[in-house]
C-alpha atoms as a PDB file:
ATOM      1  CA  MET A   1      -0.266  81.958 -24.795  1.00  0.00           C
ATOM      2  CA  ARG A   2      -3.366  81.755 -26.953  1.00  0.00           C
ATOM      3  CA  SER A   3      -4.210  78.160 -25.890  1.00  0.00           C
ATOM      4  CA  ASP A   4      -3.909  79.183 -22.107  1.00  0.00           C
ATOM      5  CA  ILE A   5      -5.930  82.209 -22.586  1.00  0.00           C
ATOM      6  CA  LEU A   6      -8.683  80.301 -24.371  1.00  0.00           C
ATOM      7  CA  GLN A   7      -8.910  77.867 -21.405  1.00  0.00           C
ATOM      8  CA  ARG A   8      -9.160  80.784 -19.067  1.00  0.00           C
ATOM      9  CA  LEU A   9     -11.945  82.453 -21.139  1.00  0.00           C
ATOM     10  CA  HIS A  10     -13.852  79.226 -21.021  1.00  0.00           C
ATOM     11  CA  SER A  11     -13.389  78.642 -17.281  1.00  0.00           C
ATOM     12  CA  GLY A  12     -16.829  78.196 -15.751  1.00  0.00           C
ATOM     13  CA  HIS A  13     -17.979  76.461 -18.979  1.00  0.00           C
ATOM     14  CA  GLN A  14     -19.936  79.477 -20.206  1.00  0.00           C
ATOM     15  CA  GLY A  15     -21.474  79.383 -23.696  1.00  0.00           C
ATOM     16  CA  ILE A  16     -20.071  80.848 -26.919  1.00  0.00           C
ATOM     17  CA  VAL A  17     -21.706  84.305 -26.590  1.00  0.00           C
ATOM     18  CA  LYS A  18     -20.562  84.853 -22.953  1.00  0.00           C
ATOM     19  CA  CYS A  19     -17.018  83.665 -23.713  1.00  0.00           C
ATOM     20  CA  ARG A  20     -16.889  86.108 -26.610  1.00  0.00           C
ATOM     21  CA  GLU A  21     -18.161  88.914 -24.403  1.00  0.00           C
ATOM     22  CA  ARG A  22     -15.527  88.064 -21.832  1.00  0.00           C
ATOM     23  CA  ALA A  23     -12.847  88.214 -24.429  1.00  0.00           C
ATOM     24  CA  ARG A  24     -14.051  91.675 -25.631  1.00  0.00           C
ATOM     25  CA  CYS A  25     -13.142  93.034 -22.253  1.00  0.00           C
ATOM     26  CA  SER A  26      -9.366  92.561 -22.659  1.00  0.00           C
ATOM     27  CA  VAL A  27      -7.973  90.252 -25.265  1.00  0.00           C
ATOM     28  CA  TRP A  28      -8.099  89.655 -29.037  1.00  0.00           C
ATOM     29  CA  TRP A  29      -6.170  88.070 -31.870  1.00  0.00           C
ATOM     30  CA  PRO A  30      -7.016  87.209 -35.397  1.00  0.00           C
ATOM     31  CA  GLY A  31      -9.497  84.308 -35.468  1.00  0.00           C
ATOM     32  CA  LEU A  32     -10.317  84.423 -31.761  1.00  0.00           C
ATOM     33  CA  SER A  33     -14.046  84.342 -32.273  1.00  0.00           C
ATOM     34  CA  GLN A  34     -13.924  81.127 -34.330  1.00  0.00           C
ATOM     35  CA  GLU A  35     -11.410  79.487 -31.839  1.00  0.00           C
ATOM     36  CA  ILE A  36     -13.841  80.262 -29.025  1.00  0.00           C
ATOM     37  CA  GLN A  37     -16.646  78.687 -30.919  1.00  0.00           C
ATOM     38  CA  GLN A  38     -14.582  75.620 -31.737  1.00  0.00           C
ATOM     39  CA  LEU A  39     -13.466  75.258 -28.082  1.00  0.00           C
ATOM     40  CA  VAL A  40     -16.971  75.471 -26.679  1.00  0.00           C
ATOM     41  CA  ASN A  41     -18.423  73.139 -29.248  1.00  0.00           C
ATOM     42  CA  SER A  42     -15.762  70.527 -28.594  1.00  0.00           C
ATOM     43  CA  CYS A  43     -16.025  70.825 -24.703  1.00  0.00           C
ATOM     44  CA  LYS A  44     -17.425  67.487 -23.523  1.00  0.00           C
ATOM     45  CA  ASP A  45     -18.769  68.949 -20.243  1.00  0.00           C
ATOM     46  CA  CYS A  46     -20.670  71.766 -22.050  1.00  0.00           C
ATOM     47  CA  LEU A  47     -22.085  69.352 -24.608  1.00  0.00           C
ATOM     48  CA  GLU A  48     -23.414  66.890 -22.018  1.00  0.00           C
ATOM     49  CA  SER A  49     -25.146  69.623 -19.956  1.00  0.00           C
ATOM     50  CA  ARG A  50     -26.880  71.341 -22.855  1.00  0.00           C
ATOM     51  CA  PRO A  51     -30.720  71.361 -22.629  1.00  0.00           C
ATOM     52  CA  THR A  52     -32.966  69.641 -25.127  1.00  0.00           C
ATOM     53  CA  GLN A  53     -33.103  71.567 -28.430  1.00  0.00           C
ATOM     54  CA  ARG A  54     -36.165  73.717 -29.139  1.00  0.00           C
ATOM     55  CA  LYS A  55     -38.922  72.186 -31.286  1.00  0.00           C
ATOM     56  CA  GLU A  56     -38.905  72.896 -34.988  1.00  0.00           C
ATOM     57  CA  PRO A  57     -41.749  74.579 -36.979  1.00  0.00           C
ATOM     58  CA  LEU A  58     -44.819  72.317 -37.442  1.00  0.00           C
ATOM     59  CA  LEU A  59     -45.113  70.405 -40.651  1.00  0.00           C
ATOM     60  CA  THR A  60     -48.757  69.938 -41.695  1.00  0.00           C
ATOM     61  CA  THR A  61     -49.717  67.280 -44.210  1.00  0.00           C
ATOM     62  CA  PRO A  62     -51.517  68.573 -47.295  1.00  0.00           C
ATOM     63  CA  LEU A  63     -55.065  67.343 -47.836  1.00  0.00           C
ATOM     64  CA  PRO A  64     -54.978  64.201 -50.182  1.00  0.00           C
ATOM     65  CA  ASP A  65     -56.854  64.222 -53.469  1.00  0.00           C
ATOM     66  CA  ARG A  66     -59.267  61.507 -52.552  1.00  0.00           C
ATOM     67  CA  PRO A  67     -60.514  59.356 -49.733  1.00  0.00           C
ATOM     68  CA  TRP A  68     -58.263  56.462 -48.501  1.00  0.00           C
ATOM     69  CA  GLU A  69     -55.299  57.684 -50.522  1.00  0.00           C
ATOM     70  CA  ARG A  70     -53.084  58.233 -47.463  1.00  0.00           C
ATOM     71  CA  ILE A  71     -53.936  56.575 -44.080  1.00  0.00           C
ATOM     72  CA  GLY A  72     -52.318  56.363 -40.737  1.00  0.00           C
ATOM     73  CA  ALA A  73     -52.282  53.460 -38.284  1.00  0.00           C
ATOM     74  CA  ASP A  74     -51.428  52.978 -34.682  1.00  0.00           C
ATOM     75  CA  ILE A  75     -52.201  50.615 -31.716  1.00  0.00           C
ATOM     76  CA  CYS A  76     -53.813  51.654 -28.488  1.00  0.00           C
ATOM     77  CA  GLU A  77     -54.692  49.886 -25.244  1.00  0.00           C
ATOM     78  CA  VAL A  78     -58.057  50.449 -23.392  1.00  0.00           C
ATOM     79  CA  ASN A  79     -59.075  48.277 -20.367  1.00  0.00           C
ATOM     80  CA  LYS A  80     -56.201  45.895 -20.983  1.00  0.00           C
ATOM     81  CA  GLN A  81     -57.425  45.226 -24.502  1.00  0.00           C
ATOM     82  CA  HIS A  82     -55.564  46.243 -27.667  1.00  0.00           C
ATOM     83  CA  TYR A  83     -57.025  47.904 -30.799  1.00  0.00           C
ATOM     84  CA  LEU A  84     -55.806  48.802 -34.196  1.00  0.00           C
ATOM     85  CA  VAL A  85     -56.760  52.379 -35.041  1.00  0.00           C
ATOM     86  CA  VAL A  86     -56.679  53.550 -38.776  1.00  0.00           C
ATOM     87  CA  VAL A  87     -57.498  57.034 -39.887  1.00  0.00           C
ATOM     88  CA  ASP A  88     -58.005  58.414 -43.353  1.00  0.00           C
ATOM     89  CA  TYR A  89     -56.016  61.696 -43.970  1.00  0.00           C
ATOM     90  CA  PHE A  90     -58.661  63.012 -46.336  1.00  0.00           C
ATOM     91  CA  SER A  91     -61.884  62.494 -44.382  1.00  0.00           C
ATOM     92  CA  ARG A  92     -60.530  61.880 -40.822  1.00  0.00           C
ATOM     93  CA  TYR A  93     -62.731  58.712 -40.976  1.00  0.00           C
ATOM     94  CA  ILE A  94     -61.641  56.430 -38.192  1.00  0.00           C
ATOM     95  CA  ASP A  95     -61.753  52.587 -38.378  1.00  0.00           C
ATOM     96  CA  ILE A  96     -61.171  50.438 -35.252  1.00  0.00           C
ATOM     97  CA  ALA A  97     -60.315  46.717 -35.086  1.00  0.00           C
ATOM     98  CA  HIS A  98     -59.890  44.705 -31.928  1.00  0.00           C
ATOM     99  CA  LEU A  99     -56.673  42.787 -31.685  1.00  0.00           C
ATOM    100  CA  GLN A 100     -56.680  39.299 -30.182  1.00  0.00           C
ATOM    101  CA  ASN A 101     -52.876  39.626 -29.660  1.00  0.00           C
ATOM    102  CA  LEU A 102     -50.099  41.897 -30.693  1.00  0.00           C
ATOM    103  CA  SER A 103     -48.522  39.710 -33.301  1.00  0.00           C
ATOM    104  CA  GLY A 104     -47.688  41.060 -36.750  1.00  0.00           C
ATOM    105  CA  GLU A 105     -49.907  38.360 -38.357  1.00  0.00           C
ATOM    106  CA  THR A 106     -52.965  39.490 -36.471  1.00  0.00           C
ATOM    107  CA  THR A 107     -52.302  43.235 -37.220  1.00  0.00           C
ATOM    108  CA  ARG A 108     -51.869  42.380 -40.959  1.00  0.00           C
ATOM    109  CA  ALA A 109     -55.045  40.388 -41.013  1.00  0.00           C
ATOM    110  CA  CYS A 110     -56.987  43.426 -39.589  1.00  0.00           C
ATOM    111  CA  LEU A 111     -55.434  45.695 -42.143  1.00  0.00           C
ATOM    112  CA  LYS A 112     -56.359  43.238 -45.012  1.00  0.00           C
ATOM    113  CA  ASN A 113     -59.940  43.273 -43.668  1.00  0.00           C
ATOM    114  CA  MET A 114     -60.006  47.110 -43.920  1.00  0.00           C
ATOM    115  CA  PHE A 115     -58.367  47.085 -47.361  1.00  0.00           C
ATOM    116  CA  ALA A 116     -61.077  44.635 -48.596  1.00  0.00           C
ATOM    117  CA  ARG A 117     -63.658  47.108 -47.475  1.00  0.00           C
ATOM    118  CA  TRP A 118     -62.136  50.459 -48.547  1.00  0.00           C
ATOM    119  CA  GLY A 119     -59.465  49.463 -51.000  1.00  0.00           C
ATOM    120  CA  CYS A 120     -55.681  49.544 -51.007  1.00  0.00           C
ATOM    121  CA  PRO A 121     -54.281  52.924 -49.968  1.00  0.00           C
ATOM    122  CA  ASN A 122     -51.325  54.608 -51.766  1.00  0.00           C
ATOM    123  CA  VAL A 123     -49.467  55.367 -48.406  1.00  0.00           C
ATOM    124  CA  LEU A 124     -49.715  53.789 -45.066  1.00  0.00           C
ATOM    125  CA  PHE A 125     -47.982  55.813 -42.311  1.00  0.00           C
ATOM    126  CA  THR A 126     -47.132  54.025 -39.025  1.00  0.00           C
ATOM    127  CA  ASP A 127     -44.691  54.173 -36.132  1.00  0.00           C
ATOM    128  CA  ASN A 128     -41.857  51.685 -35.710  1.00  0.00           C
ATOM    129  CA  GLY A 129     -43.735  49.105 -33.632  1.00  0.00           C
ATOM    130  CA  PRO A 130     -42.723  45.527 -34.085  1.00  0.00           C
ATOM    131  CA  GLN A 131     -46.084  44.763 -35.761  1.00  0.00           C
ATOM    132  CA  PHE A 132     -45.140  47.171 -38.653  1.00  0.00           C
ATOM    133  CA  CYS A 133     -41.494  46.092 -39.019  1.00  0.00           C
ATOM    134  CA  GLY A 134     -39.835  43.026 -40.564  1.00  0.00           C
ATOM    135  CA  SER A 135     -39.725  41.258 -43.853  1.00  0.00           C
ATOM    136  CA  ALA A 136     -43.367  40.024 -43.445  1.00  0.00           C
ATOM    137  CA  PHE A 137     -44.812  43.551 -43.405  1.00  0.00           C
ATOM    138  CA  LYS A 138     -42.594  44.480 -46.388  1.00  0.00           C
ATOM    139  CA  ASP A 139     -43.962  41.553 -48.316  1.00  0.00           C
ATOM    140  CA  PHE A 140     -47.486  42.616 -47.313  1.00  0.00           C
ATOM    141  CA  ALA A 141     -46.851  46.130 -48.608  1.00  0.00           C
ATOM    142  CA  ARG A 142     -45.496  44.800 -51.788  1.00  0.00           C
ATOM    143  CA  ASN A 143     -48.381  42.356 -52.386  1.00  0.00           C
ATOM    144  CA  TYR A 144     -50.972  45.016 -51.645  1.00  0.00           C
ATOM    145  CA  ASP A 145     -49.248  47.647 -53.622  1.00  0.00           C
ATOM    146  CA  PHE A 146     -48.905  50.501 -51.077  1.00  0.00           C
ATOM    147  CA  GLN A 147     -45.968  52.514 -49.756  1.00  0.00           C
ATOM    148  CA  HIS A 148     -45.145  52.028 -46.112  1.00  0.00           C
ATOM    149  CA  ILE A 149     -43.653  55.096 -44.372  1.00  0.00           C
ATOM    150  CA  THR A 150     -42.538  55.031 -40.688  1.00  0.00           C
ATOM    151  CA  SER A 151     -42.021  57.977 -38.229  1.00  0.00           C
ATOM    152  CA  SER A 152     -38.844  58.728 -36.456  1.00  0.00           C
ATOM    153  CA  PRO A 153     -38.480  56.479 -33.389  1.00  0.00           C
ATOM    154  CA  TYR A 154     -39.264  58.140 -30.084  1.00  0.00           C
ATOM    155  CA  TYR A 155     -40.876  61.131 -31.972  1.00  0.00           C
ATOM    156  CA  ALA A 156     -44.637  60.441 -32.053  1.00  0.00           C
ATOM    157  CA  GLN A 157     -45.346  63.925 -33.232  1.00  0.00           C
ATOM    158  CA  SER A 158     -44.350  62.993 -36.709  1.00  0.00           C
ATOM    159  CA  ASN A 159     -47.365  60.618 -36.854  1.00  0.00           C
ATOM    160  CA  GLY A 160     -49.685  63.313 -35.495  1.00  0.00           C
ATOM    161  CA  GLU A 161     -52.781  62.383 -37.507  1.00  0.00           C
ATOM    162  CA  ALA A 162     -52.748  58.803 -36.053  1.00  0.00           C
ATOM    163  CA  GLU A 163     -51.937  60.025 -32.584  1.00  0.00           C
ATOM    164  CA  ARG A 164     -54.967  62.300 -32.607  1.00  0.00           C
ATOM    165  CA  ALA A 165     -57.182  59.468 -33.894  1.00  0.00           C
ATOM    166  CA  VAL A 166     -55.850  57.217 -31.085  1.00  0.00           C
ATOM    167  CA  GLN A 167     -57.011  59.878 -28.565  1.00  0.00           C
ATOM    168  CA  THR A 168     -60.443  59.943 -30.157  1.00  0.00           C
ATOM    169  CA  ALA A 169     -60.680  56.151 -30.380  1.00  0.00           C
ATOM    170  CA  LYS A 170     -59.754  55.789 -26.637  1.00  0.00           C
ATOM    171  CA  ARG A 171     -62.685  58.233 -25.701  1.00  0.00           C
ATOM    172  CA  ILE A 172     -64.999  56.270 -27.942  1.00  0.00           C
ATOM    173  CA  LEU A 173     -63.988  52.858 -26.617  1.00  0.00           C
ATOM    174  CA  LYS A 174     -64.424  53.914 -22.999  1.00  0.00           C
ATOM    175  CA  GLN A 175     -68.074  54.574 -23.460  1.00  0.00           C
ATOM    176  CA  SER A 176     -70.856  52.141 -22.532  1.00  0.00           C
ATOM    177  CA  ASP A 177     -71.818  51.701 -26.210  1.00  0.00           C
ATOM    178  CA  PRO A 178     -68.783  52.411 -28.368  1.00  0.00           C
ATOM    179  CA  PHE A 179     -70.566  51.578 -31.616  1.00  0.00           C
ATOM    180  CA  ILE A 180     -72.984  54.450 -31.111  1.00  0.00           C
ATOM    181  CA  ALA A 181     -70.167  56.635 -30.135  1.00  0.00           C
ATOM    182  CA  LEU A 182     -68.170  55.762 -33.275  1.00  0.00           C
ATOM    183  CA  MET A 183     -71.299  56.267 -35.428  1.00  0.00           C
ATOM    184  CA  SER A 184     -71.846  59.705 -33.792  1.00  0.00           C
ATOM    185  CA  TYR A 185     -68.323  60.681 -34.614  1.00  0.00           C
ATOM    186  CA  ARG A 186     -68.532  59.632 -38.240  1.00  0.00           C
ATOM    187  CA  SER A 187     -71.687  61.474 -38.826  1.00  0.00           C
ATOM    188  CA  THR A 188     -70.799  64.807 -37.084  1.00  0.00           C
ATOM    189  CA  PRO A 189     -69.310  67.553 -39.223  1.00  0.00           C
ATOM    190  CA  LEU A 190     -65.778  68.474 -38.350  1.00  0.00           C
ATOM    191  CA  GLN A 191     -64.768  72.059 -37.822  1.00  0.00           C
ATOM    192  CA  ALA A 192     -61.554  71.538 -39.874  1.00  0.00           C
ATOM    193  CA  THR A 193     -63.413  70.629 -43.039  1.00  0.00           C
ATOM    194  CA  GLY A 194     -67.042  71.625 -42.495  1.00  0.00           C
ATOM    195  CA  ALA A 195     -68.190  68.033 -43.437  1.00  0.00           C
ATOM    196  CA  SER A 196     -68.599  64.769 -41.621  1.00  0.00           C
ATOM    197  CA  PRO A 197     -66.089  61.942 -41.996  1.00  0.00           C
ATOM    198  CA  ALA A 198     -68.753  59.816 -43.525  1.00  0.00           C
ATOM    199  CA  GLN A 199     -69.654  62.485 -46.208  1.00  0.00           C
ATOM    200  CA  LEU A 200     -66.087  62.812 -47.293  1.00  0.00           C
ATOM    201  CA  MET A 201     -65.454  59.046 -47.142  1.00  0.00           C
ATOM    202  CA  MET A 202     -68.557  57.696 -48.846  1.00  0.00           C
ATOM    203  CA  GLY A 203     -70.181  60.738 -50.377  1.00  0.00           C
ATOM    204  CA  ARG A 204     -73.309  60.498 -48.211  1.00  0.00           C
ATOM    205  CA  GLN A 205     -74.402  61.155 -44.701  1.00  0.00           C
ATOM    206  CA  ILE A 206     -75.234  58.048 -42.537  1.00  0.00           C
ATOM    207  CA  ARG A 207     -78.416  57.477 -40.696  1.00  0.00           C
ATOM    208  CA  THR A 208     -78.138  57.593 -36.832  1.00  0.00           C
ATOM    209  CA  THR A 209     -80.451  57.626 -33.792  1.00  0.00           C
ATOM    210  CA  VAL A 210     -81.006  61.413 -34.370  1.00  0.00           C
ATOM    211  CA  PRO A 211     -84.105  62.000 -36.618  1.00  0.00           C
ATOM    212  CA  THR A 212     -83.203  63.546 -39.979  1.00  0.00           C
ATOM    213  CA  LEU A 213     -84.837  64.275 -43.293  1.00  0.00           C
ATOM    214  CA  GLU A 214     -84.488  61.501 -45.912  1.00  0.00           C
ATOM    215  CA  SER A 215     -83.131  64.072 -48.364  1.00  0.00           C
ATOM    216  CA  HIS A 216     -80.091  64.527 -46.137  1.00  0.00           C
ATOM    217  CA  LEU A 217     -79.281  60.831 -46.482  1.00  0.00           C
ATOM    218  CA  ARG A 218     -79.164  60.798 -50.335  1.00  0.00           C
ATOM    219  CA  PRO A 219     -75.698  60.513 -51.925  1.00  0.00           C
ATOM    220  CA  GLU A 220     -74.241  63.921 -52.512  1.00  0.00           C
ATOM    221  CA  TRP A 221     -70.591  65.017 -52.290  1.00  0.00           C
ATOM    222  CA  PRO A 222     -69.929  68.206 -50.387  1.00  0.00           C
ATOM    223  CA  ASP A 223     -68.137  71.153 -52.092  1.00  0.00           C
ATOM    224  CA  LEU A 224     -64.611  69.833 -52.126  1.00  0.00           C
ATOM    225  CA  ARG A 225     -63.239  73.201 -52.958  1.00  0.00           C
ATOM    226  CA  ARG A 226     -64.796  74.688 -49.764  1.00  0.00           C
ATOM    227  CA  VAL A 227     -63.580  71.689 -47.805  1.00  0.00           C
ATOM    228  CA  ARG A 228     -59.978  72.118 -48.978  1.00  0.00           C
ATOM    229  CA  LYS A 229     -60.042  75.754 -48.230  1.00  0.00           C
ATOM    230  CA  ALA A 230     -61.379  75.123 -44.746  1.00  0.00           C
ATOM    231  CA  ASP A 231     -58.671  72.341 -44.147  1.00  0.00           C
ATOM    232  CA  GLN A 232     -55.917  74.820 -45.161  1.00  0.00           C
ATOM    233  CA  LYS A 233     -57.241  77.492 -42.891  1.00  0.00           C
ATOM    234  CA  ALA A 234     -57.463  75.135 -39.923  1.00  0.00           C
ATOM    235  CA  LYS A 235     -54.020  73.712 -40.416  1.00  0.00           C
ATOM    236  CA  ARG A 236     -52.523  77.178 -40.824  1.00  0.00           C
ATOM    237  CA  THR A 237     -54.075  78.111 -37.454  1.00  0.00           C
ATOM    238  CA  TYR A 238     -52.792  74.952 -35.912  1.00  0.00           C
ATOM    239  CA  ARG A 239     -49.250  75.628 -37.213  1.00  0.00           C
ATOM    240  CA  ASN A 240     -49.164  79.304 -36.122  1.00  0.00           C
ATOM    241  CA  TYR A 241     -50.392  78.404 -32.656  1.00  0.00           C
ATOM    242  CA  TYR A 242     -47.939  75.540 -32.278  1.00  0.00           C
ATOM    243  CA  ASN A 243     -44.967  77.626 -33.436  1.00  0.00           C
ATOM    244  CA  LYS A 244     -45.746  80.525 -31.264  1.00  0.00           C
ATOM    245  CA  ARG A 245     -46.428  78.380 -28.133  1.00  0.00           C
ATOM    246  CA  ASN A 246     -43.177  76.424 -28.438  1.00  0.00           C
ATOM    247  CA  SER A 247     -40.916  79.244 -29.688  1.00  0.00           C
ATOM    248  CA  VAL A 248     -39.800  76.989 -32.544  1.00  0.00           C
ATOM    249  CA  ARG A 249     -36.478  77.260 -34.413  1.00  0.00           C
ATOM    250  CA  THR A 250     -35.446  75.637 -37.695  1.00  0.00           C
ATOM    251  CA  LEU A 251     -32.422  73.391 -37.241  1.00  0.00           C
ATOM    252  CA  PRO A 252     -30.021  73.143 -40.166  1.00  0.00           C
ATOM    253  CA  GLU A 253     -29.500  69.908 -41.939  1.00  0.00           C
ATOM    254  CA  ILE A 254     -26.542  67.776 -41.001  1.00  0.00           C
ATOM    255  CA  PRO A 255     -24.279  66.394 -43.786  1.00  0.00           C
ATOM    256  CA  PRO A 256     -23.270  62.722 -43.713  1.00  0.00           C
ATOM    257  CA  GLY A 257     -20.036  61.962 -41.839  1.00  0.00           C
ATOM    258  CA  THR A 258     -20.740  64.649 -39.174  1.00  0.00           C
ATOM    259  CA  PRO A 259     -20.167  63.538 -35.636  1.00  0.00           C
ATOM    260  CA  VAL A 260     -23.200  64.181 -33.443  1.00  0.00           C
ATOM    261  CA  ALA A 261     -24.399  63.709 -29.831  1.00  0.00           C
ATOM    262  CA  VAL A 262     -27.632  61.909 -29.267  1.00  0.00           C
ATOM    263  CA  LYS A 263     -30.236  62.600 -26.653  1.00  0.00           C
ATOM    264  CA  LEU A 264     -34.014  61.800 -26.376  1.00  0.00           C
ATOM    265  CA  ASP A 265     -36.501  64.104 -24.811  1.00  0.00           C
ATOM    266  CA  ALA A 266     -36.736  62.005 -21.676  1.00  0.00           C
ATOM    267  CA  GLU A 267     -32.961  61.577 -21.262  1.00  0.00           C
ATOM    268  CA  ARG A 268     -30.638  63.866 -19.294  1.00  0.00           C
ATOM    269  CA  GLY A 269     -27.504  65.030 -20.923  1.00  0.00           C
ATOM    270  CA  TRP A 270     -25.944  64.439 -24.400  1.00  0.00           C
ATOM    271  CA  ILE A 271     -23.877  61.475 -23.334  1.00  0.00           C
ATOM    272  CA  ARG A 272     -24.249  59.192 -26.346  1.00  0.00           C
ATOM    273  CA  SER A 273     -22.469  59.893 -29.714  1.00  0.00           C
ATOM    274  CA  GLY A 274     -22.653  58.763 -33.299  1.00  0.00           C
ATOM    275  CA  THR A 275     -21.888  59.734 -36.853  1.00  0.00           C
ATOM    276  CA  ILE A 276     -24.468  60.655 -39.536  1.00  0.00           C
ATOM    277  CA  LEU A 277     -24.812  58.106 -42.252  1.00  0.00           C
ATOM    278  CA  ARG A 278     -27.516  59.657 -44.363  1.00  0.00           C
ATOM    279  CA  LYS A 279     -30.795  61.469 -44.309  1.00  0.00           C
ATOM    280  CA  CYS A 280     -33.958  59.412 -44.562  1.00  0.00           C
ATOM    281  CA  GLU A 281     -36.889  59.982 -46.914  1.00  0.00           C
ATOM    282  CA  SER A 282     -38.974  61.213 -44.022  1.00  0.00           C
ATOM    283  CA  PRO A 283     -38.553  64.853 -43.148  1.00  0.00           C
ATOM    284  CA  ARG A 284     -35.996  65.647 -40.378  1.00  0.00           C
ATOM    285  CA  SER A 285     -34.968  61.969 -39.999  1.00  0.00           C
ATOM    286  CA  TYR A 286     -31.464  60.648 -40.050  1.00  0.00           C
ATOM    287  CA  LEU A 287     -29.678  57.301 -39.880  1.00  0.00           C
ATOM    288  CA  ILE A 288     -26.669  57.442 -37.495  1.00  0.00           C
ATOM    289  CA  GLN A 289     -23.928  54.924 -36.692  1.00  0.00           C
ATOM    290  CA  SER A 290     -23.533  54.614 -32.905  1.00  0.00           C
ATOM    291  CA  GLU A 291     -21.792  52.351 -30.562  1.00  0.00           C
ATOM    292  CA  THR A 292     -24.798  50.010 -30.412  1.00  0.00           C
ATOM    293  CA  GLY A 293     -25.324  49.949 -34.181  1.00  0.00           C
ATOM    294  CA  VAL A 294     -27.313  51.844 -36.752  1.00  0.00           C
ATOM    295  CA  LEU A 295     -30.102  53.958 -35.230  1.00  0.00           C
ATOM    296  CA  ARG A 296     -32.691  56.274 -36.683  1.00  0.00           C
ATOM    297  CA  ARG A 297     -33.334  59.563 -34.962  1.00  0.00           C
ATOM    298  CA  ASN A 298     -35.200  62.789 -35.601  1.00  0.00           C
ATOM    299  CA  ARG A 299     -33.108  65.996 -36.109  1.00  0.00           C
ATOM    300  CA  ARG A 300     -34.285  67.405 -32.757  1.00  0.00           C
ATOM    301  CA  HIS A 301     -32.484  64.447 -30.935  1.00  0.00           C
ATOM    302  CA  LEU A 302     -29.147  65.163 -32.735  1.00  0.00           C
ATOM    303  CA  MET A 303     -26.596  67.870 -31.975  1.00  0.00           C
ATOM    304  CA  PRO A 304     -23.411  68.270 -34.042  1.00  0.00           C
ATOM    305  CA  THR A 305     -20.316  68.125 -31.909  1.00  0.00           C
ATOM    306  CA  VAL A 306     -18.616  70.617 -34.281  1.00  0.00           C
ATOM    307  CA  SER A 307     -20.032  73.912 -35.483  1.00  0.00           C
ATOM    308  CA  ASP A 308     -22.532  73.502 -38.241  1.00  0.00           C
ATOM    309  CA  THR A 309     -22.837  77.185 -38.978  1.00  0.00           C
ATOM    310  CA  GLU A 310     -19.226  78.530 -39.229  1.00  0.00           C
ATOM    311  CA  PRO A 311     -16.016  76.882 -40.299  1.00  0.00           C
ATOM    312  CA  ALA A 312     -13.750  76.109 -37.470  1.00  0.00           C
ATOM    313  CA  SER A 313     -10.017  76.683 -37.636  1.00  0.00           C
ATOM    314  CA  ASN A 314      -7.534  74.753 -35.653  1.00  0.00           C
ATOM    315  CA  SER A 315      -4.725  77.355 -36.043  1.00  0.00           C
ATOM    316  CA  VAL A 316      -4.214  80.948 -37.224  1.00  0.00           C
ATOM    317  CA  GLN A 317      -1.576  81.396 -39.916  1.00  0.00           C
ATOM    318  CA  PRO A 318       0.794  84.385 -39.240  1.00  0.00           C
ATOM    319  CA  THR A 319       0.717  87.246 -41.636  1.00  0.00           C
ATOM    320  CA  GLN A 320       3.605  88.220 -43.781  1.00  0.00           C
ATOM    321  CA  ASN A 321       4.343  91.176 -41.559  1.00  0.00           C
ATOM    322  CA  GLU A 322       4.449  89.018 -38.445  1.00  0.00           C
ATOM    323  CA  VAL A 323       6.832  86.545 -40.113  1.00  0.00           C
ATOM    324  CA  HIS A 324       9.311  89.396 -40.796  1.00  0.00           C
ATOM    325  CA  GLY A 325       8.924  90.865 -37.337  1.00  0.00           C
ATOM    326  CA  GLN A 326       7.296  94.092 -38.420  1.00  0.00           C
ATOM    327  CA  ASP A 327       5.106  95.747 -35.929  1.00  0.00           C
ATOM    328  CA  GLN A 328       1.726  96.420 -37.581  1.00  0.00           C
ATOM    329  CA  LEU A 329      -1.738  96.524 -35.988  1.00  0.00           C
ATOM    330  CA  ALA A 330      -4.201  93.869 -37.375  1.00  0.00           C
ATOM    331  CA  THR A 331      -7.496  94.927 -38.823  1.00  0.00           C
ATOM    332  CA  LYS A 332      -9.985  95.360 -35.957  1.00  0.00           C
ATOM    333  CA  PRO A 333     -13.533  93.834 -36.453  1.00  0.00           C
ATOM    334  CA  ASP A 334     -16.440  96.140 -35.763  1.00  0.00           C
ATOM    335  CA  ASN A 335     -17.687  94.100 -32.864  1.00  0.00           C
ATOM    336  CA  LEU A 336     -14.380  93.533 -31.105  1.00  0.00           C
ATOM    337  CA  LEU A 337     -12.127  95.732 -29.007  1.00  0.00           C
ATOM    338  CA  PHE A 338      -8.427  95.707 -29.808  1.00  0.00           C
ATOM    339  CA  PHE A 339      -5.774  96.578 -27.271  1.00  0.00           C
ATOM    340  CA  PRO A 340      -2.206  96.699 -28.694  1.00  0.00           C
ATOM    341  CA  LEU A 341       0.456  95.376 -26.406  1.00  0.00           C
ATOM    342  CA  PRO A 342       3.373  97.487 -25.438  1.00  0.00           C
ATOM    343  CA  SER A 343       6.465  97.139 -27.657  1.00  0.00           C
ATOM    344  CA  THR A 344       8.491  95.903 -24.648  1.00  0.00           C
ATOM    345  CA  VAL A 345       6.399  92.824 -24.164  1.00  0.00           C
END
């Protein structure tokens, strides 16, 4: 009768905790808790109706050792015009280039122009836009000797530095004189570092329309130890605020071969399925084999269809006493109620 009782416990499609609480009221057998967990995790109706998983703790990027060592790039649209926005992770220095079209060739030409001015970076971080994909961009990365890292598709948060730079670039480009606005941004000290992007990028303050002493324009690096300490404090504040506001939860890693359900944040229901192929180099990013081919998704968009915390058991092996027909009470777990059946049953 165990299979029938399990279905009755799960009538109404309640979760694991409530099904266990319901079982505690009247029934128990060895391994019941694990069988309830397996039943709920394998229920198609329950899986499809589950809400989006909670966000994971914020991962902040450590401050690089020097300018233009690690940069991020993204494309934005302002007044029906497209622009390439590149930000330096060390100084927060923003460079903007107008794109005549959205072809990969034009994007690579703009990046080459910036590299000729600032040098080749060690790492270029982008999203998975068509301009940054394909064999041509791989050849570009190999010829200019930099590592190209992409974020998880449909998860812009993983390219957070470039996303913030795009917001700043849009505000600058919407002004009557965007060049003065960009110059003002580059010369204004940032609260996160205590120094301006120009100071950290070039080792000097730039002259603007605001009167200043000539001594302030002489080349002089700011105290990098103080800058790094201020950056760590600011990122720690960002991380604590984000984690508290979103009630984050760390999701366990998924081993290869695990069947998973797939759902993006904007979708309703976990109706698509796949199998984990391997974990990518980027944090919390996986390659999955789906019905439409190989996809890359963030851990938040994946939910194992079997338990990833406790081993599931398909059947319970009878004890030696049960085999020989001896009437002996099983050991009762501390958190379960046990009601022995009458001997006449």
